Amino acid sequence: QVQLVESGGGLVQAGGSLRLSCAASGSIYRIAVMGWYRQAPGKQRELVATITSGGSTVYADSVKGRLTISRDNAENTVSLQMNSLKPEDTAVYFCLMGNVRGYNYWGQGTQVTVSS
């Protein structure tokens, strides 16, 4: 059974940096897209960034220029480098991996808290 395991969350002051990582345990058939979503208290889950197997990226407007997504296709890992963090970035961050058949795997989430 495939599981996605996130790491790297924590507490940081505004302006600081964190790096999130996500690794898949088990084999996922032809991963097409990897990404990060987040959910703040009382809000819906929202897209942060995605990256295709070819390296094409999509970012939420609110994180452009501050957060950078990357992936390692050989290792089936995806990372999110977060710089210049703001209090509004506080949320639970979820890793996503979707295969070419349209099935999505989700991680359990990792908390990111940015203090002002």
Protein backbone atom coordinates (compact mmCIF):
# COMPACT_ATOMS: atom_id res chain seq x y z
CA GLN A 1 0.00 0.00 0.00
CA VAL A 2 1.35 3.39 -0.98
CA GLN A 3 1.84 6.02 1.68
CA LEU A 4 3.15 9.55 1.32
CA VAL A 5 5.22 10.79 4.24
CA GLU A 6 5.84 14.50 4.68
CA SER A 7 8.57 16.04 6.79
CA GLY A 8 10.05 19.45 7.50
CA GLY A 9 7.18 21.37 9.01
CA GLY A 10 7.54 23.41 12.15
CA LEU A 11 7.46 26.84 13.74
CA VAL A 12 9.34 29.73 12.19
CA GLN A 13 9.33 33.50 12.53
CA ALA A 14 8.04 35.70 9.75
CA GLY A 15 10.70 36.15 7.10
CA GLY A 16 12.22 32.77 7.84
CA SER A 17 12.51 29.63 5.74
CA LEU A 18 11.43 26.02 5.87
CA ARG A 19 11.83 23.12 3.50
CA LEU A 20 9.13 20.48 3.20
CA SER A 21 9.79 17.07 1.72
CA CYS A 22 7.52 14.21 0.74
CA ALA A 23 8.48 10.66 -0.10
CA ALA A 24 6.37 7.77 -1.30
CA SER A 25 6.68 4.41 0.37
CA GLY A 26 5.73 1.75 -2.11
CA SER A 27 5.50 1.97 -5.86
CA ILE A 28 3.24 4.44 -7.65
CA TYR A 29 2.46 3.67 -11.27
CA ARG A 30 3.73 6.45 -13.52
CA ILE A 31 3.43 9.59 -11.40
CA ALA A 32 2.22 12.42 -13.60
CA VAL A 33 1.99 15.28 -11.16
CA MET A 34 3.32 16.06 -7.71
CA GLY A 35 2.25 18.96 -5.61
CA TRP A 36 1.56 20.69 -2.35
CA TYR A 37 -1.74 21.93 -1.00
CA ARG A 38 -2.48 23.63 2.29
CA GLN A 39 -5.41 24.12 4.62
CA ALA A 40 -5.61 26.86 7.19
CA PRO A 41 -8.05 26.68 10.13
CA GLY A 42 -11.58 27.40 8.98
CA LYS A 43 -10.60 27.49 5.32
CA GLN A 44 -10.78 25.12 2.39
CA ARG A 45 -7.76 23.23 1.15
CA GLU A 46 -6.01 25.23 -1.54
CA LEU A 47 -3.33 24.61 -4.13
CA VAL A 48 0.14 25.85 -3.30
CA ALA A 49 2.21 24.47 -6.18
CA THR A 50 2.35 21.56 -8.60
CA ILE A 51 5.03 20.13 -10.85
CA THR A 52 4.68 17.68 -13.73
CA SER A 53 7.06 14.89 -14.64
CA GLY A 54 8.46 17.21 -17.31
CA GLY A 55 9.16 19.95 -14.81
CA SER A 56 6.32 22.35 -15.61
CA THR A 57 5.19 24.22 -12.51
CA VAL A 58 2.10 26.04 -11.33
CA TYR A 59 2.05 28.29 -8.27
CA ALA A 60 -0.65 30.03 -6.34
CA ASP A 61 -0.34 33.79 -6.80
CA SER A 62 0.12 34.25 -3.07
CA VAL A 63 3.35 32.21 -3.02
CA LYS A 64 5.00 33.16 -6.32
CA GLY A 65 8.57 34.29 -5.84
CA ARG A 66 8.76 32.91 -2.30
CA LEU A 67 8.07 29.19 -2.56
CA THR A 68 9.78 26.79 -4.98
CA ILE A 69 8.65 23.27 -5.78
CA SER A 70 11.03 20.59 -7.03
CA ARG A 71 10.89 16.85 -7.61
CA ASP A 72 13.16 13.87 -8.02
CA ASN A 73 11.58 11.47 -10.48
CA ALA A 74 14.02 8.69 -9.74
CA GLU A 75 13.37 8.82 -6.00
CA ASN A 76 9.66 9.72 -6.20
CA THR A 77 10.10 12.68 -3.89
CA VAL A 78 8.81 16.22 -4.00
CA SER A 79 10.03 19.19 -2.00
CA LEU A 80 8.85 22.70 -1.27
CA GLN A 81 11.40 25.35 -0.38
CA MET A 82 9.62 28.12 1.48
CA ASN A 83 11.38 31.47 1.89
CA SER A 84 10.21 34.84 3.19
CA LEU A 85 7.42 33.13 5.09
CA LYS A 86 4.45 35.17 6.26
CA PRO A 87 1.95 34.53 9.06
CA GLU A 88 -0.71 33.90 6.40
CA ASP A 89 1.31 30.90 5.23
CA THR A 90 0.36 29.15 8.48
CA ALA A 91 -1.50 25.96 7.58
CA VAL A 92 -1.31 22.21 7.39
CA TYR A 93 0.57 21.35 4.20
CA PHE A 94 -0.38 18.23 2.27
CA CYS A 95 1.66 16.40 -0.33
CA LEU A 96 -0.03 15.05 -3.46
CA MET A 97 1.10 12.55 -6.06
CA GLY A 98 -1.17 11.75 -8.98
CA ASN A 99 -0.64 9.00 -11.51
CA VAL A 100 -1.42 8.97 -15.21
CA ARG A 101 -4.67 7.13 -14.51
CA GLY A 102 -5.93 10.09 -12.53
CA TYR A 103 -5.62 8.52 -9.08
CA ASN A 104 -4.32 10.85 -6.38
CA TYR A 105 -2.38 9.90 -3.29
CA TRP A 106 -2.30 12.26 -0.32
CA GLY A 107 0.02 12.61 2.62
CA GLN A 108 -1.18 12.99 6.18
CA GLY A 109 -0.15 16.64 6.38
CA THR A 110 2.54 18.58 8.20
CA GLN A 111 1.95 21.72 10.24
CA VAL A 112 3.67 24.96 9.30
CA THR A 113 3.30 27.84 11.74
CA VAL A 114 4.71 31.29 11.01
CA SER A 115 4.79 33.69 13.92
CA SER A 116 4.67 37.45 13.48
